[in-house]
Amino acid sequence: MTRIVTWLKAHDQRMFFLVNRRFNHALLGMLLSRITHLGGARATILATLGIWWLAPKPVSTVGLQAFIALALSHIPVAIVKKLYPRLRPYLALPDAIACKNPLKDHSFPSGHTTAIFSVIAPFVIAFNWIGFILIPFAMIVGMSRMYLGLHYPSDVAAGCVIGCITASCTVAFLG
């Protein structure tokens, strides 16, 4: 079992450095440092509330589902961060490049990635065609978290899974 964990950890670090260091460029850093905030609390809460309140049905219904999924998704994130405290890559890896004013709490799982996937999943479920736009967009938000030195790929993958499962359960429950 320890061999598997060691291999996974090494692979996670290799993939992290591929995104964090290999593609390091000033313009890309500026762009991703802005895109990353689209998975933050302010953007996701305002977007879901705005769609719920302002859009016509059935889009407003999906906006409500997304808002509820967003709120619920942070319960497992908070629990997992407490159960599995993991240093952020920029704190654990000396060669990692970090953004300005980086977060200092635990990295696993990625809250931004959880948020963006919990918000887009109800829309993809309701309107399949929009997945071609929203899924790559959400993946870029997740990648930005690695590029900025804040998360490992496994943090982002876990956030994606938590966000999608929470959203799917919310949509199934609310109908």
N, C-alpha and C. Protein backbone atom coordinates (compact mmCIF):
# COMPACT_ATOMS: atom_id res chain seq x y z
N MET A 1 0.81 -1.20 0.00
CA MET A 1 0.00 0.00 0.00
C MET A 1 0.86 1.26 0.00
N THR A 2 1.95 1.25 0.76
CA THR A 2 2.81 2.43 0.81
C THR A 2 3.47 2.69 -0.54
N ARG A 3 3.73 1.65 -1.31
CA ARG A 3 4.31 1.84 -2.65
C ARG A 3 3.33 2.57 -3.56
N ILE A 4 2.06 2.22 -3.43
CA ILE A 4 1.04 2.88 -4.25
C ILE A 4 0.92 4.34 -3.85
N VAL A 5 0.88 4.61 -2.56
CA VAL A 5 0.77 5.99 -2.07
C VAL A 5 2.00 6.79 -2.50
N THR A 6 3.18 6.20 -2.39
CA THR A 6 4.41 6.88 -2.81
C THR A 6 4.37 7.20 -4.30
N TRP A 7 3.92 6.23 -5.10
CA TRP A 7 3.82 6.45 -6.54
C TRP A 7 2.82 7.56 -6.85
N LEU A 8 1.65 7.53 -6.20
CA LEU A 8 0.63 8.55 -6.43
C LEU A 8 1.12 9.94 -6.04
N LYS A 9 1.82 10.02 -4.92
CA LYS A 9 2.35 11.30 -4.46
C LYS A 9 3.38 11.85 -5.46
N ALA A 10 4.27 10.99 -5.93
CA ALA A 10 5.28 11.42 -6.90
C ALA A 10 4.62 11.86 -8.21
N HIS A 11 3.62 11.12 -8.66
CA HIS A 11 2.91 11.47 -9.89
C HIS A 11 2.17 12.80 -9.72
N ASP A 12 1.55 12.99 -8.57
CA ASP A 12 0.85 14.23 -8.26
C ASP A 12 1.81 15.42 -8.32
N GLN A 13 3.00 15.26 -7.75
CA GLN A 13 3.99 16.33 -7.76
C GLN A 13 4.51 16.59 -9.18
N ARG A 14 4.73 15.54 -9.95
CA ARG A 14 5.19 15.73 -11.34
C ARG A 14 4.16 16.51 -12.14
N MET A 15 2.91 16.12 -12.01
CA MET A 15 1.85 16.82 -12.75
C MET A 15 1.70 18.27 -12.26
N PHE A 16 1.86 18.47 -10.96
CA PHE A 16 1.81 19.82 -10.41
C PHE A 16 2.89 20.69 -11.04
N PHE A 17 4.13 20.19 -11.06
CA PHE A 17 5.23 20.98 -11.60
C PHE A 17 5.09 21.21 -13.10
N LEU A 18 4.47 20.29 -13.81
CA LEU A 18 4.23 20.49 -15.24
C LEU A 18 3.38 21.74 -15.45
N VAL A 19 2.34 21.89 -14.66
CA VAL A 19 1.45 23.04 -14.79
C VAL A 19 2.06 24.28 -14.14
N ASN A 20 2.66 24.13 -12.97
CA ASN A 20 3.13 25.26 -12.18
C ASN A 20 4.41 25.90 -12.72
N ARG A 21 5.33 25.09 -13.23
CA ARG A 21 6.63 25.64 -13.63
C ARG A 21 6.85 25.60 -15.15
N ARG A 22 6.45 24.54 -15.77
CA ARG A 22 6.77 24.36 -17.19
C ARG A 22 6.10 25.41 -18.06
N PHE A 23 4.87 25.76 -17.73
CA PHE A 23 4.13 26.72 -18.55
C PHE A 23 4.13 28.12 -17.95
N ASN A 24 5.10 28.41 -17.09
CA ASN A 24 5.14 29.69 -16.41
C ASN A 24 5.43 30.81 -17.40
N HIS A 25 4.52 31.78 -17.45
CA HIS A 25 4.66 32.93 -18.33
C HIS A 25 3.88 34.09 -17.70
N ALA A 26 4.41 35.29 -17.79
CA ALA A 26 3.81 36.45 -17.13
C ALA A 26 2.37 36.69 -17.59
N LEU A 27 2.12 36.65 -18.89
CA LEU A 27 0.77 36.91 -19.41
C LEU A 27 -0.21 35.81 -18.97
N LEU A 28 0.23 34.56 -19.03
CA LEU A 28 -0.61 33.45 -18.59
C LEU A 28 -0.90 33.56 -17.09
N GLY A 29 0.11 33.95 -16.32
CA GLY A 29 -0.08 34.13 -14.89
C GLY A 29 -1.09 35.21 -14.58
N MET A 30 -1.02 36.32 -15.31
CA MET A 30 -1.97 37.41 -15.11
C MET A 30 -3.39 36.95 -15.46
N LEU A 31 -3.54 36.23 -16.56
CA LEU A 31 -4.85 35.75 -16.98
C LEU A 31 -5.43 34.74 -15.98
N LEU A 32 -4.62 33.75 -15.59
CA LEU A 32 -5.11 32.72 -14.67
C LEU A 32 -5.36 33.25 -13.26
N SER A 33 -4.62 34.28 -12.86
CA SER A 33 -4.86 34.85 -11.53
C SER A 33 -6.21 35.58 -11.48
N ARG A 34 -6.75 35.93 -12.63
CA ARG A 34 -8.09 36.52 -12.67
C ARG A 34 -9.16 35.44 -12.85
N ILE A 35 -8.89 34.49 -13.73
CA ILE A 35 -9.84 33.40 -13.98
C ILE A 35 -10.11 32.60 -12.71
N THR A 36 -9.08 32.40 -11.89
CA THR A 36 -9.23 31.59 -10.68
C THR A 36 -10.34 32.11 -9.77
N HIS A 37 -10.55 33.42 -9.76
CA HIS A 37 -11.57 34.02 -8.89
C HIS A 37 -12.99 33.69 -9.34
N LEU A 38 -13.14 33.20 -10.56
CA LEU A 38 -14.47 32.81 -11.03
C LEU A 38 -14.97 31.56 -10.31
N GLY A 39 -14.07 30.86 -9.62
CA GLY A 39 -14.46 29.74 -8.77
C GLY A 39 -14.57 30.14 -7.31
N GLY A 40 -14.36 31.40 -7.02
CA GLY A 40 -14.42 31.88 -5.64
C GLY A 40 -15.84 32.14 -5.18
N ALA A 41 -15.97 32.42 -3.90
CA ALA A 41 -17.29 32.60 -3.29
C ALA A 41 -18.08 33.74 -3.92
N ARG A 42 -17.46 34.89 -4.07
CA ARG A 42 -18.18 36.06 -4.59
C ARG A 42 -18.76 35.79 -5.97
N ALA A 43 -17.93 35.28 -6.88
CA ALA A 43 -18.39 35.06 -8.25
C ALA A 43 -19.46 33.98 -8.34
N THR A 44 -19.24 32.86 -7.65
CA THR A 44 -20.20 31.76 -7.76
C THR A 44 -21.53 32.08 -7.08
N ILE A 45 -21.47 32.74 -5.93
CA ILE A 45 -22.72 33.11 -5.24
C ILE A 45 -23.49 34.14 -6.06
N LEU A 46 -22.81 35.19 -6.53
CA LEU A 46 -23.49 36.22 -7.32
C LEU A 46 -24.06 35.65 -8.62
N ALA A 47 -23.30 34.79 -9.28
CA ALA A 47 -23.77 34.20 -10.55
C ALA A 47 -25.01 33.35 -10.33
N THR A 48 -24.97 32.48 -9.33
CA THR A 48 -26.13 31.59 -9.12
C THR A 48 -27.36 32.37 -8.65
N LEU A 49 -27.16 33.31 -7.74
CA LEU A 49 -28.30 34.11 -7.28
C LEU A 49 -28.86 34.96 -8.42
N GLY A 50 -27.97 35.55 -9.21
CA GLY A 50 -28.41 36.37 -10.35
C GLY A 50 -29.22 35.56 -11.35
N ILE A 51 -28.75 34.37 -11.67
CA ILE A 51 -29.49 33.52 -12.61
C ILE A 51 -30.83 33.10 -12.01
N TRP A 52 -30.81 32.73 -10.75
CA TRP A 52 -32.05 32.31 -10.09
C TRP A 52 -33.08 33.44 -10.09
N TRP A 53 -32.65 34.65 -9.74
CA TRP A 53 -33.58 35.77 -9.61
C TRP A 53 -33.97 36.42 -10.94
N LEU A 54 -33.04 36.44 -11.91
CA LEU A 54 -33.27 37.24 -13.11
C LEU A 54 -33.61 36.45 -14.37
N ALA A 55 -33.20 35.21 -14.45
CA ALA A 55 -33.41 34.44 -15.68
C ALA A 55 -34.84 33.90 -15.74
N PRO A 56 -35.35 33.70 -16.95
CA PRO A 56 -36.67 33.07 -17.08
C PRO A 56 -36.59 31.57 -16.78
N LYS A 57 -37.74 30.98 -16.49
CA LYS A 57 -37.78 29.52 -16.29
C LYS A 57 -37.55 28.86 -17.65
N PRO A 58 -36.93 27.75 -17.75
CA PRO A 58 -36.43 26.85 -16.71
C PRO A 58 -35.03 27.19 -16.22
N VAL A 59 -34.40 28.22 -16.81
CA VAL A 59 -33.03 28.56 -16.43
C VAL A 59 -32.97 29.00 -14.97
N SER A 60 -33.98 29.74 -14.51
CA SER A 60 -33.97 30.19 -13.11
C SER A 60 -34.04 29.01 -12.15
N THR A 61 -34.77 27.98 -12.52
CA THR A 61 -34.85 26.78 -11.69
C THR A 61 -33.48 26.12 -11.57
N VAL A 62 -32.76 26.07 -12.67
CA VAL A 62 -31.41 25.50 -12.66
C VAL A 62 -30.48 26.39 -11.84
N GLY A 63 -30.67 27.70 -11.91
CA GLY A 63 -29.89 28.62 -11.08
C GLY A 63 -30.08 28.35 -9.60
N LEU A 64 -31.31 28.06 -9.19
CA LEU A 64 -31.59 27.72 -7.80
C LEU A 64 -30.91 26.40 -7.43
N GLN A 65 -30.99 25.41 -8.32
CA GLN A 65 -30.32 24.13 -8.07
C GLN A 65 -28.81 24.34 -7.91
N ALA A 66 -28.25 25.18 -8.76
CA ALA A 66 -26.81 25.46 -8.69
C ALA A 66 -26.45 26.16 -7.39
N PHE A 67 -27.28 27.10 -6.96
CA PHE A 67 -27.03 27.81 -5.70
C PHE A 67 -27.06 26.84 -4.52
N ILE A 68 -28.05 25.97 -4.48
CA ILE A 68 -28.15 25.00 -3.38
C ILE A 68 -26.98 24.01 -3.44
N ALA A 69 -26.64 23.55 -4.64
CA ALA A 69 -25.50 22.63 -4.78
C ALA A 69 -24.21 23.30 -4.31
N LEU A 70 -24.05 24.57 -4.65
CA LEU A 70 -22.87 25.32 -4.22
C LEU A 70 -22.79 25.38 -2.70
N ALA A 71 -23.90 25.72 -2.07
CA ALA A 71 -23.92 25.80 -0.60
C ALA A 71 -23.63 24.45 0.04
N LEU A 72 -24.27 23.41 -0.47
CA LEU A 72 -24.09 22.07 0.11
C LEU A 72 -22.70 21.50 -0.15
N SER A 73 -22.10 21.86 -1.26
CA SER A 73 -20.80 21.29 -1.63
C SER A 73 -19.70 21.65 -0.65
N HIS A 74 -19.86 22.75 0.04
CA HIS A 74 -18.79 23.16 0.94
C HIS A 74 -18.82 22.45 2.30
N ILE A 75 -19.87 21.71 2.55
CA ILE A 75 -19.90 20.89 3.78
C ILE A 75 -18.87 19.77 3.69
N PRO A 76 -18.89 18.93 2.63
CA PRO A 76 -17.85 17.90 2.55
C PRO A 76 -16.44 18.48 2.40
N VAL A 77 -16.31 19.62 1.74
CA VAL A 77 -14.99 20.25 1.61
C VAL A 77 -14.44 20.60 2.98
N ALA A 78 -15.25 21.23 3.82
CA ALA A 78 -14.79 21.61 5.17
C ALA A 78 -14.43 20.38 5.99
N ILE A 79 -15.22 19.33 5.88
CA ILE A 79 -14.95 18.10 6.63
C ILE A 79 -13.65 17.46 6.17
N VAL A 80 -13.48 17.32 4.87
CA VAL A 80 -12.28 16.67 4.33
C VAL A 80 -11.03 17.48 4.64
N LYS A 81 -11.12 18.81 4.57
CA LYS A 81 -9.95 19.64 4.90
C LYS A 81 -9.51 19.42 6.35
N LYS A 82 -10.47 19.19 7.24
CA LYS A 82 -10.13 18.92 8.65
C LYS A 82 -9.57 17.52 8.83
N LEU A 83 -10.15 16.54 8.13
CA LEU A 83 -9.71 15.15 8.28
C LEU A 83 -8.36 14.86 7.63
N TYR A 84 -8.09 15.53 6.51
CA TYR A 84 -6.85 15.30 5.76
C TYR A 84 -6.11 16.61 5.54
N PRO A 85 -5.53 17.16 6.60
CA PRO A 85 -4.81 18.43 6.44
C PRO A 85 -3.58 18.24 5.56
N ARG A 86 -3.53 18.97 4.49
CA ARG A 86 -2.42 18.85 3.54
C ARG A 86 -1.88 20.23 3.25
N LEU A 87 -0.58 20.37 3.37
CA LEU A 87 0.05 21.66 3.07
C LEU A 87 -0.15 21.99 1.60
N ARG A 88 -0.34 23.25 1.34
CA ARG A 88 -0.42 23.70 -0.05
C ARG A 88 0.93 23.47 -0.71
N PRO A 89 0.93 23.21 -2.03
CA PRO A 89 2.19 22.89 -2.71
C PRO A 89 3.28 23.95 -2.53
N TYR A 90 2.91 25.22 -2.57
CA TYR A 90 3.94 26.25 -2.45
C TYR A 90 4.59 26.24 -1.07
N LEU A 91 3.91 25.66 -0.06
CA LEU A 91 4.48 25.54 1.28
C LEU A 91 5.29 24.25 1.43
N ALA A 92 4.92 23.22 0.68
CA ALA A 92 5.56 21.91 0.82
C ALA A 92 6.70 21.67 -0.16
N LEU A 93 6.65 22.33 -1.31
CA LEU A 93 7.64 22.09 -2.36
C LEU A 93 8.46 23.35 -2.60
N PRO A 94 9.75 23.31 -2.28
CA PRO A 94 10.58 24.51 -2.39
C PRO A 94 10.63 25.12 -3.80
N ASP A 95 10.47 24.32 -4.84
CA ASP A 95 10.57 24.83 -6.21
C ASP A 95 9.24 25.33 -6.77
N ALA A 96 8.19 25.25 -6.00
CA ALA A 96 6.87 25.68 -6.48
C ALA A 96 6.83 27.20 -6.60
N ILE A 97 6.14 27.66 -7.61
CA ILE A 97 5.94 29.09 -7.81
C ILE A 97 4.55 29.43 -7.28
N ALA A 98 4.47 30.44 -6.41
CA ALA A 98 3.19 30.81 -5.81
C ALA A 98 2.74 32.18 -6.29
N CYS A 99 1.44 32.38 -6.25
CA CYS A 99 0.86 33.67 -6.59
C CYS A 99 1.08 34.66 -5.45
N LYS A 100 0.72 35.90 -5.69
CA LYS A 100 0.80 36.91 -4.63
C LYS A 100 -0.30 36.63 -3.60
N ASN A 101 0.00 36.83 -2.34
CA ASN A 101 -0.94 36.64 -1.24
C ASN A 101 -1.64 35.28 -1.29
N PRO A 102 -0.88 34.19 -1.29
CA PRO A 102 -1.51 32.86 -1.39
C PRO A 102 -2.23 32.47 -0.10
N LEU A 103 -3.23 31.63 -0.26
CA LEU A 103 -3.97 31.10 0.89
C LEU A 103 -3.04 30.24 1.73
N LYS A 104 -3.33 30.12 3.02
CA LYS A 104 -2.47 29.35 3.90
C LYS A 104 -3.20 28.17 4.56
N ASP A 105 -4.49 28.03 4.30
CA ASP A 105 -5.22 26.89 4.89
C ASP A 105 -4.86 25.61 4.13
N HIS A 106 -5.51 24.52 4.44
CA HIS A 106 -5.19 23.23 3.82
C HIS A 106 -5.64 23.18 2.37
N SER A 107 -4.93 22.37 1.58
CA SER A 107 -5.19 22.36 0.14
C SER A 107 -6.17 21.29 -0.33
N PHE A 108 -6.36 20.23 0.43
CA PHE A 108 -7.18 19.11 -0.06
C PHE A 108 -8.55 19.13 0.56
N PRO A 109 -9.61 19.18 -0.24
CA PRO A 109 -9.71 19.34 -1.69
C PRO A 109 -9.78 20.82 -2.06
N SER A 110 -9.76 21.10 -3.34
CA SER A 110 -9.84 22.48 -3.82
C SER A 110 -11.26 23.01 -3.71
N GLY A 111 -11.44 24.04 -2.89
CA GLY A 111 -12.76 24.65 -2.73
C GLY A 111 -13.22 25.38 -3.97
N HIS A 112 -12.30 26.07 -4.66
CA HIS A 112 -12.67 26.79 -5.88
C HIS A 112 -13.15 25.81 -6.95
N THR A 113 -12.43 24.69 -7.08
CA THR A 113 -12.81 23.70 -8.09
C THR A 113 -14.14 23.06 -7.72
N THR A 114 -14.32 22.76 -6.44
CA THR A 114 -15.60 22.22 -5.98
C THR A 114 -16.72 23.19 -6.33
N ALA A 115 -16.50 24.46 -6.04
CA ALA A 115 -17.53 25.48 -6.27
C ALA A 115 -17.90 25.57 -7.75
N ILE A 116 -16.91 25.68 -8.61
CA ILE A 116 -17.23 25.88 -10.03
C ILE A 116 -17.92 24.66 -10.62
N PHE A 117 -17.50 23.45 -10.22
CA PHE A 117 -18.16 22.26 -10.75
C PHE A 117 -19.55 22.08 -10.15
N SER A 118 -19.75 22.46 -8.90
CA SER A 118 -21.10 22.35 -8.31
C SER A 118 -22.05 23.34 -8.97
N VAL A 119 -21.53 24.44 -9.48
CA VAL A 119 -22.35 25.44 -10.16
C VAL A 119 -22.65 25.03 -11.60
N ILE A 120 -21.65 24.53 -12.32
CA ILE A 120 -21.90 24.22 -13.74
C ILE A 120 -22.66 22.91 -13.93
N ALA A 121 -22.49 21.95 -13.04
CA ALA A 121 -23.10 20.63 -13.24
C ALA A 121 -24.62 20.67 -13.43
N PRO A 122 -25.37 21.43 -12.63
CA PRO A 122 -26.82 21.47 -12.89
C PRO A 122 -27.17 22.01 -14.28
N PHE A 123 -26.38 22.95 -14.77
CA PHE A 123 -26.63 23.48 -16.12
C PHE A 123 -26.31 22.45 -17.19
N VAL A 124 -25.24 21.70 -16.99
CA VAL A 124 -24.87 20.65 -17.95
C VAL A 124 -25.91 19.53 -17.93
N ILE A 125 -26.43 19.21 -16.75
CA ILE A 125 -27.48 18.19 -16.64
C ILE A 125 -28.75 18.65 -17.37
N ALA A 126 -29.12 19.91 -17.18
CA ALA A 126 -30.35 20.44 -17.78
C ALA A 126 -30.21 20.74 -19.27
N PHE A 127 -29.06 21.27 -19.64
CA PHE A 127 -28.83 21.68 -21.03
C PHE A 127 -27.50 21.07 -21.49
N ASN A 128 -27.56 19.84 -21.96
CA ASN A 128 -26.33 19.10 -22.29
C ASN A 128 -25.37 19.87 -23.19
N TRP A 129 -25.89 20.57 -24.18
CA TRP A 129 -25.05 21.24 -25.16
C TRP A 129 -24.10 22.27 -24.53
N ILE A 130 -24.50 22.84 -23.40
CA ILE A 130 -23.68 23.88 -22.78
C ILE A 130 -22.44 23.31 -22.11
N GLY A 131 -22.41 22.00 -21.95
CA GLY A 131 -21.23 21.34 -21.38
C GLY A 131 -19.97 21.58 -22.19
N PHE A 132 -20.13 21.75 -23.51
CA PHE A 132 -18.97 22.01 -24.37
C PHE A 132 -18.28 23.32 -24.02
N ILE A 133 -19.02 24.22 -23.41
CA ILE A 133 -18.46 25.50 -22.98
C ILE A 133 -18.09 25.47 -21.50
N LEU A 134 -19.02 25.00 -20.67
CA LEU A 134 -18.83 25.10 -19.22
C LEU A 134 -17.79 24.14 -18.66
N ILE A 135 -17.70 22.92 -19.19
CA ILE A 135 -16.74 21.96 -18.65
C ILE A 135 -15.30 22.42 -18.89
N PRO A 136 -14.92 22.81 -20.12
CA PRO A 136 -13.55 23.33 -20.29
C PRO A 136 -13.29 24.58 -19.44
N PHE A 137 -14.29 25.43 -19.31
CA PHE A 137 -14.16 26.63 -18.47
C PHE A 137 -13.85 26.24 -17.03
N ALA A 138 -14.60 25.28 -16.48
CA ALA A 138 -14.37 24.83 -15.10
C ALA A 138 -13.01 24.16 -14.96
N MET A 139 -12.60 23.43 -15.99
CA MET A 139 -11.28 22.79 -15.95
C MET A 139 -10.17 23.83 -15.93
N ILE A 140 -10.36 24.93 -16.61
CA ILE A 140 -9.36 26.01 -16.60
C ILE A 140 -9.29 26.63 -15.20
N VAL A 141 -10.43 26.79 -14.54
CA VAL A 141 -10.42 27.29 -13.16
C VAL A 141 -9.61 26.34 -12.29
N GLY A 142 -9.85 25.04 -12.42
CA GLY A 142 -9.09 24.04 -11.65
C GLY A 142 -7.61 24.10 -11.96
N MET A 143 -7.27 24.20 -13.25
CA MET A 143 -5.87 24.28 -13.64
C MET A 143 -5.21 25.54 -13.08
N SER A 144 -5.97 26.63 -13.01
CA SER A 144 -5.41 27.88 -12.48
C SER A 144 -4.98 27.71 -11.03
N ARG A 145 -5.67 26.86 -10.29
CA ARG A 145 -5.32 26.62 -8.89
C ARG A 145 -3.94 25.95 -8.78
N MET A 146 -3.63 25.07 -9.73
CA MET A 146 -2.31 24.43 -9.76
C MET A 146 -1.26 25.42 -10.25
N TYR A 147 -1.58 26.13 -11.31
CA TYR A 147 -0.65 27.10 -11.88
C TYR A 147 -0.21 28.12 -10.83
N LEU A 148 -1.12 28.53 -9.98
CA LEU A 148 -0.84 29.55 -8.97
C LEU A 148 -0.16 28.98 -7.72
N GLY A 149 0.11 27.67 -7.72
CA GLY A 149 0.84 27.04 -6.61
C GLY A 149 -0.02 26.70 -5.41
N LEU A 150 -1.34 26.73 -5.58
CA LEU A 150 -2.24 26.55 -4.45
C LEU A 150 -2.75 25.13 -4.27
N HIS A 151 -2.73 24.32 -5.33
CA HIS A 151 -3.29 22.97 -5.26
C HIS A 151 -2.51 21.98 -6.10
N TYR A 152 -2.52 20.73 -5.62
CA TYR A 152 -2.02 19.60 -6.40
C TYR A 152 -3.13 19.14 -7.34
N PRO A 153 -2.78 18.39 -8.38
CA PRO A 153 -3.82 17.84 -9.26
C PRO A 153 -4.86 17.01 -8.51
N SER A 154 -4.45 16.25 -7.51
CA SER A 154 -5.41 15.44 -6.75
C SER A 154 -6.38 16.31 -5.95
N ASP A 155 -5.95 17.48 -5.51
CA ASP A 155 -6.86 18.43 -4.84
C ASP A 155 -7.95 18.88 -5.80
N VAL A 156 -7.52 19.20 -7.02
CA VAL A 156 -8.44 19.67 -8.05
C VAL A 156 -9.39 18.55 -8.47
N ALA A 157 -8.85 17.34 -8.66
CA ALA A 157 -9.69 16.20 -9.05
C ALA A 157 -10.73 15.91 -7.97
N ALA A 158 -10.32 15.95 -6.71
CA ALA A 158 -11.27 15.71 -5.61
C ALA A 158 -12.34 16.80 -5.58
N GLY A 159 -11.96 18.04 -5.82
CA GLY A 159 -12.93 19.13 -5.87
C GLY A 159 -13.93 18.93 -7.00
N CYS A 160 -13.45 18.49 -8.14
CA CYS A 160 -14.33 18.21 -9.28
C CYS A 160 -15.34 17.12 -8.92
N VAL A 161 -14.86 16.05 -8.32
CA VAL A 161 -15.74 14.93 -7.94
C VAL A 161 -16.77 15.38 -6.90
N ILE A 162 -16.32 16.07 -5.87
CA ILE A 162 -17.25 16.53 -4.82
C ILE A 162 -18.29 17.48 -5.41
N GLY A 163 -17.85 18.42 -6.24
CA GLY A 163 -18.79 19.36 -6.85
C GLY A 163 -19.82 18.68 -7.73
N CYS A 164 -19.37 17.74 -8.55
CA CYS A 164 -20.29 17.03 -9.46
C CYS A 164 -21.26 16.13 -8.71
N ILE A 165 -20.76 15.41 -7.71
CA ILE A 165 -21.64 14.53 -6.93
C ILE A 165 -22.67 15.35 -6.15
N THR A 166 -22.22 16.41 -5.51
CA THR A 166 -23.15 17.26 -4.75
C THR A 166 -24.22 17.85 -5.67
N ALA A 167 -23.80 18.33 -6.83
CA ALA A 167 -24.75 18.92 -7.77
C ALA A 167 -25.72 17.87 -8.31
N SER A 168 -25.21 16.70 -8.65
CA SER A 168 -26.08 15.63 -9.17
C SER A 168 -27.11 15.21 -8.14
N CYS A 169 -26.69 15.08 -6.89
CA CYS A 169 -27.63 14.73 -5.81
C CYS A 169 -28.66 15.83 -5.59
N THR A 170 -28.22 17.08 -5.67
CA THR A 170 -29.13 18.21 -5.50
C THR A 170 -30.18 18.22 -6.60
N VAL A 171 -29.74 18.05 -7.85
CA VAL A 171 -30.67 18.03 -8.98
C VAL A 171 -31.64 16.86 -8.86
N ALA A 172 -31.13 15.70 -8.47
CA ALA A 172 -31.99 14.51 -8.32
C ALA A 172 -33.02 14.73 -7.21
N PHE A 173 -32.60 15.35 -6.12
CA PHE A 173 -33.50 15.57 -4.98
C PHE A 173 -34.56 16.64 -5.30
N LEU A 174 -34.12 17.73 -5.92
CA LEU A 174 -35.04 18.84 -6.20
C LEU A 174 -35.88 18.60 -7.45
N GLY A 175 -35.39 17.74 -8.33
CA GLY A 175 -36.15 17.39 -9.53
C GLY A 175 -35.99 18.30 -10.67
